[in-house]
Amino acid sequence: MHYVYVIKSIKDGKLYVGHTNDLKGRIEERNKGMVKSTRGRRPFKLIYYEASNILQDAVKREKSLKTGFGRAYLNRQLDDI
């Protein structure tokens, strides 16, 4: 399976969108500081994910969630979080 995920920095409240085939492992990497781009924003909380059988679909969905319309969609979906 391929996952599109949204994590939230507990430190500053920022959202990060990505894709992976190992959701649990990727979140652990982020929280251990193994990803340079988000090391200073730890810790993270997984707040949303979608699963797909097709890598290209997950990549396409990740890119769409990173647009202005995608961020607006996420804000509406995650309003309660």
N, C-alpha and C. Protein backbone atom coordinates (compact mmCIF):
# COMPACT_ATOMS: atom_id res chain seq x y z
N MET A 1 0.83 -1.19 0.00
CA MET A 1 0.00 0.00 0.00
C MET A 1 0.88 1.25 0.00
N HIS A 2 0.34 2.30 -0.55
CA HIS A 2 0.99 3.60 -0.58
C HIS A 2 0.07 4.57 0.16
N TYR A 3 0.69 5.40 0.99
CA TYR A 3 -0.08 6.29 1.84
C TYR A 3 0.28 7.75 1.58
N VAL A 4 -0.73 8.58 1.56
CA VAL A 4 -0.55 10.03 1.60
C VAL A 4 -0.89 10.40 3.03
N TYR A 5 -0.01 11.15 3.67
CA TYR A 5 -0.22 11.45 5.08
C TYR A 5 -0.07 12.93 5.36
N VAL A 6 -0.71 13.34 6.44
CA VAL A 6 -0.58 14.70 6.94
C VAL A 6 -0.17 14.59 8.39
N ILE A 7 0.94 15.22 8.72
CA ILE A 7 1.38 15.27 10.11
C ILE A 7 1.38 16.72 10.55
N LYS A 8 1.18 16.89 11.84
CA LYS A 8 1.15 18.23 12.42
C LYS A 8 2.27 18.35 13.44
N SER A 9 3.03 19.43 13.35
CA SER A 9 4.08 19.69 14.31
C SER A 9 3.44 20.15 15.61
N ILE A 10 3.74 19.46 16.68
CA ILE A 10 3.25 19.86 17.99
C ILE A 10 3.95 21.16 18.40
N LYS A 11 5.16 21.36 17.94
CA LYS A 11 5.96 22.53 18.31
C LYS A 11 5.39 23.83 17.75
N ASP A 12 5.07 23.83 16.44
CA ASP A 12 4.61 25.08 15.83
C ASP A 12 3.26 25.00 15.12
N GLY A 13 2.64 23.83 15.12
CA GLY A 13 1.31 23.69 14.53
C GLY A 13 1.26 23.58 13.03
N LYS A 14 2.41 23.56 12.35
CA LYS A 14 2.42 23.47 10.90
C LYS A 14 2.08 22.07 10.44
N LEU A 15 1.44 22.02 9.26
CA LEU A 15 1.09 20.74 8.64
C LEU A 15 2.12 20.38 7.58
N TYR A 16 2.42 19.10 7.48
CA TYR A 16 3.32 18.58 6.45
C TYR A 16 2.62 17.43 5.76
N VAL A 17 2.69 17.44 4.42
CA VAL A 17 2.05 16.42 3.59
C VAL A 17 3.14 15.64 2.90
N GLY A 18 2.98 14.32 2.85
CA GLY A 18 3.95 13.47 2.16
C GLY A 18 3.32 12.16 1.74
N HIS A 19 4.12 11.31 1.11
CA HIS A 19 3.64 9.97 0.77
C HIS A 19 4.74 8.95 1.10
N THR A 20 4.31 7.72 1.36
CA THR A 20 5.24 6.66 1.74
C THR A 20 4.56 5.31 1.54
N ASN A 21 5.37 4.26 1.55
CA ASN A 21 4.79 2.91 1.55
C ASN A 21 4.91 2.27 2.94
N ASP A 22 5.47 3.01 3.90
CA ASP A 22 5.61 2.54 5.28
C ASP A 22 5.21 3.70 6.20
N LEU A 23 3.94 3.81 6.46
CA LEU A 23 3.42 4.95 7.20
C LEU A 23 3.99 5.02 8.62
N LYS A 24 3.94 3.93 9.34
CA LYS A 24 4.44 3.92 10.71
C LYS A 24 5.93 4.25 10.75
N GLY A 25 6.70 3.66 9.87
CA GLY A 25 8.14 3.91 9.82
C GLY A 25 8.46 5.36 9.47
N ARG A 26 7.70 5.93 8.56
CA ARG A 26 7.95 7.31 8.15
C ARG A 26 7.68 8.29 9.29
N ILE A 27 6.61 8.06 10.04
CA ILE A 27 6.30 8.93 11.17
C ILE A 27 7.39 8.80 12.23
N GLU A 28 7.86 7.58 12.46
CA GLU A 28 8.96 7.38 13.41
C GLU A 28 10.22 8.12 12.96
N GLU A 29 10.54 8.06 11.66
CA GLU A 29 11.70 8.78 11.13
C GLU A 29 11.57 10.28 11.39
N ARG A 30 10.40 10.80 11.13
CA ARG A 30 10.17 12.23 11.36
C ARG A 30 10.37 12.59 12.84
N ASN A 31 9.81 11.78 13.71
CA ASN A 31 9.89 12.08 15.14
C ASN A 31 11.27 11.84 15.73
N LYS A 32 12.08 11.01 15.11
CA LYS A 32 13.45 10.77 15.57
C LYS A 32 14.43 11.80 15.01
N GLY A 33 13.96 12.67 14.12
CA GLY A 33 14.81 13.70 13.55
C GLY A 33 15.66 13.22 12.39
N MET A 34 15.27 12.13 11.76
CA MET A 34 16.03 11.56 10.66
C MET A 34 15.78 12.27 9.33
N VAL A 35 14.80 13.16 9.30
CA VAL A 35 14.48 13.93 8.09
C VAL A 35 14.93 15.36 8.33
N LYS A 36 15.95 15.76 7.61
CA LYS A 36 16.59 17.06 7.83
C LYS A 36 15.61 18.23 7.74
N SER A 37 14.71 18.18 6.77
CA SER A 37 13.82 19.33 6.53
C SER A 37 12.84 19.58 7.67
N THR A 38 12.55 18.58 8.49
CA THR A 38 11.58 18.77 9.58
C THR A 38 12.18 18.51 10.96
N ARG A 39 13.46 18.33 11.03
CA ARG A 39 14.13 17.98 12.30
C ARG A 39 13.81 18.99 13.41
N GLY A 40 13.83 20.26 13.08
CA GLY A 40 13.60 21.30 14.09
C GLY A 40 12.15 21.51 14.48
N ARG A 41 11.25 20.78 13.86
CA ARG A 41 9.81 20.97 14.11
C ARG A 41 9.21 19.84 14.95
N ARG A 42 10.04 18.92 15.44
CA ARG A 42 9.55 17.78 16.20
C ARG A 42 8.95 18.22 17.53
N PRO A 43 8.04 17.42 18.08
CA PRO A 43 7.48 16.15 17.62
C PRO A 43 6.29 16.37 16.69
N PHE A 44 5.89 15.27 16.03
CA PHE A 44 4.79 15.30 15.08
C PHE A 44 3.69 14.34 15.50
N LYS A 45 2.49 14.68 15.06
CA LYS A 45 1.32 13.84 15.30
C LYS A 45 0.68 13.55 13.94
N LEU A 46 0.42 12.29 13.65
CA LEU A 46 -0.29 11.92 12.43
C LEU A 46 -1.74 12.33 12.61
N ILE A 47 -2.24 13.15 11.69
CA ILE A 47 -3.62 13.61 11.84
C ILE A 47 -4.54 13.19 10.70
N TYR A 48 -3.96 12.69 9.59
CA TYR A 48 -4.79 12.31 8.44
C TYR A 48 -3.96 11.44 7.51
N TYR A 49 -4.58 10.44 6.91
CA TYR A 49 -3.92 9.69 5.86
C TYR A 49 -4.94 9.06 4.92
N GLU A 50 -4.50 8.76 3.73
CA GLU A 50 -5.29 8.05 2.73
C GLU A 50 -4.41 6.94 2.18
N ALA A 51 -5.01 5.81 1.82
CA ALA A 51 -4.27 4.68 1.28
C ALA A 51 -4.64 4.46 -0.18
N SER A 52 -3.66 3.97 -0.95
CA SER A 52 -3.87 3.67 -2.36
C SER A 52 -3.02 2.46 -2.74
N ASN A 53 -3.52 1.67 -3.66
CA ASN A 53 -2.76 0.54 -4.18
C ASN A 53 -1.76 0.97 -5.24
N ILE A 54 -1.91 2.17 -5.76
CA ILE A 54 -1.13 2.62 -6.91
C ILE A 54 -0.26 3.81 -6.52
N LEU A 55 1.05 3.67 -6.68
CA LEU A 55 1.99 4.72 -6.30
C LEU A 55 1.69 6.03 -7.00
N GLN A 56 1.42 6.00 -8.29
CA GLN A 56 1.17 7.22 -9.04
C GLN A 56 -0.04 7.98 -8.50
N ASP A 57 -1.05 7.24 -8.04
CA ASP A 57 -2.23 7.89 -7.46
C ASP A 57 -1.88 8.59 -6.15
N ALA A 58 -1.04 7.95 -5.35
CA ALA A 58 -0.63 8.56 -4.08
C ALA A 58 0.19 9.83 -4.33
N VAL A 59 1.10 9.77 -5.29
CA VAL A 59 1.93 10.94 -5.62
C VAL A 59 1.05 12.07 -6.13
N LYS A 60 0.11 11.73 -7.00
CA LYS A 60 -0.81 12.74 -7.54
C LYS A 60 -1.64 13.38 -6.43
N ARG A 61 -2.12 12.57 -5.50
CA ARG A 61 -2.93 13.08 -4.39
C ARG A 61 -2.09 13.97 -3.47
N GLU A 62 -0.85 13.55 -3.21
CA GLU A 62 0.05 14.37 -2.39
C GLU A 62 0.23 15.75 -3.02
N LYS A 63 0.50 15.77 -4.32
CA LYS A 63 0.70 17.05 -5.01
C LYS A 63 -0.56 17.90 -4.94
N SER A 64 -1.73 17.28 -5.07
CA SER A 64 -2.97 18.05 -5.02
C SER A 64 -3.21 18.63 -3.64
N LEU A 65 -2.83 17.90 -2.59
CA LEU A 65 -3.03 18.41 -1.23
C LEU A 65 -2.06 19.53 -0.89
N LYS A 66 -1.00 19.67 -1.66
CA LYS A 66 -0.03 20.74 -1.41
C LYS A 66 -0.38 22.04 -2.14
N THR A 67 -1.45 22.03 -2.92
CA THR A 67 -1.90 23.25 -3.61
C THR A 67 -2.77 24.08 -2.67
N GLY A 68 -3.12 25.26 -3.10
CA GLY A 68 -4.01 26.11 -2.31
C GLY A 68 -5.37 25.45 -2.07
N PHE A 69 -5.91 24.84 -3.12
CA PHE A 69 -7.20 24.16 -2.98
C PHE A 69 -7.07 22.95 -2.06
N GLY A 70 -5.96 22.24 -2.17
CA GLY A 70 -5.73 21.08 -1.32
C GLY A 70 -5.60 21.46 0.13
N ARG A 71 -4.88 22.54 0.40
CA ARG A 71 -4.74 23.02 1.79
C ARG A 71 -6.10 23.45 2.34
N ALA A 72 -6.91 24.09 1.51
CA ALA A 72 -8.25 24.49 1.95
C ALA A 72 -9.09 23.26 2.27
N TYR A 73 -8.98 22.22 1.44
CA TYR A 73 -9.70 20.97 1.69
C TYR A 73 -9.25 20.38 3.02
N LEU A 74 -7.94 20.32 3.25
CA LEU A 74 -7.43 19.77 4.50
C LEU A 74 -7.91 20.58 5.70
N ASN A 75 -7.90 21.88 5.57
CA ASN A 75 -8.37 22.73 6.68
C ASN A 75 -9.83 22.46 7.01
N ARG A 76 -10.64 22.24 5.96
CA ARG A 76 -12.06 21.92 6.20
C ARG A 76 -12.20 20.55 6.85
N GLN A 77 -11.45 19.57 6.36
CA GLN A 77 -11.54 18.20 6.89
C GLN A 77 -10.99 18.10 8.31
N LEU A 78 -9.99 18.88 8.60
CA LEU A 78 -9.29 18.77 9.88
C LEU A 78 -9.70 19.84 10.87
N ASP A 79 -10.78 20.51 10.59
CA ASP A 79 -11.22 21.63 11.43
C ASP A 79 -11.40 21.25 12.89
N ASP A 80 -11.77 20.01 13.14
CA ASP A 80 -12.02 19.56 14.52
C ASP A 80 -10.76 19.12 15.24
N ILE A 81 -9.65 19.00 14.53
CA ILE A 81 -8.42 18.47 15.14
C ILE A 81 -7.57 19.58 15.71
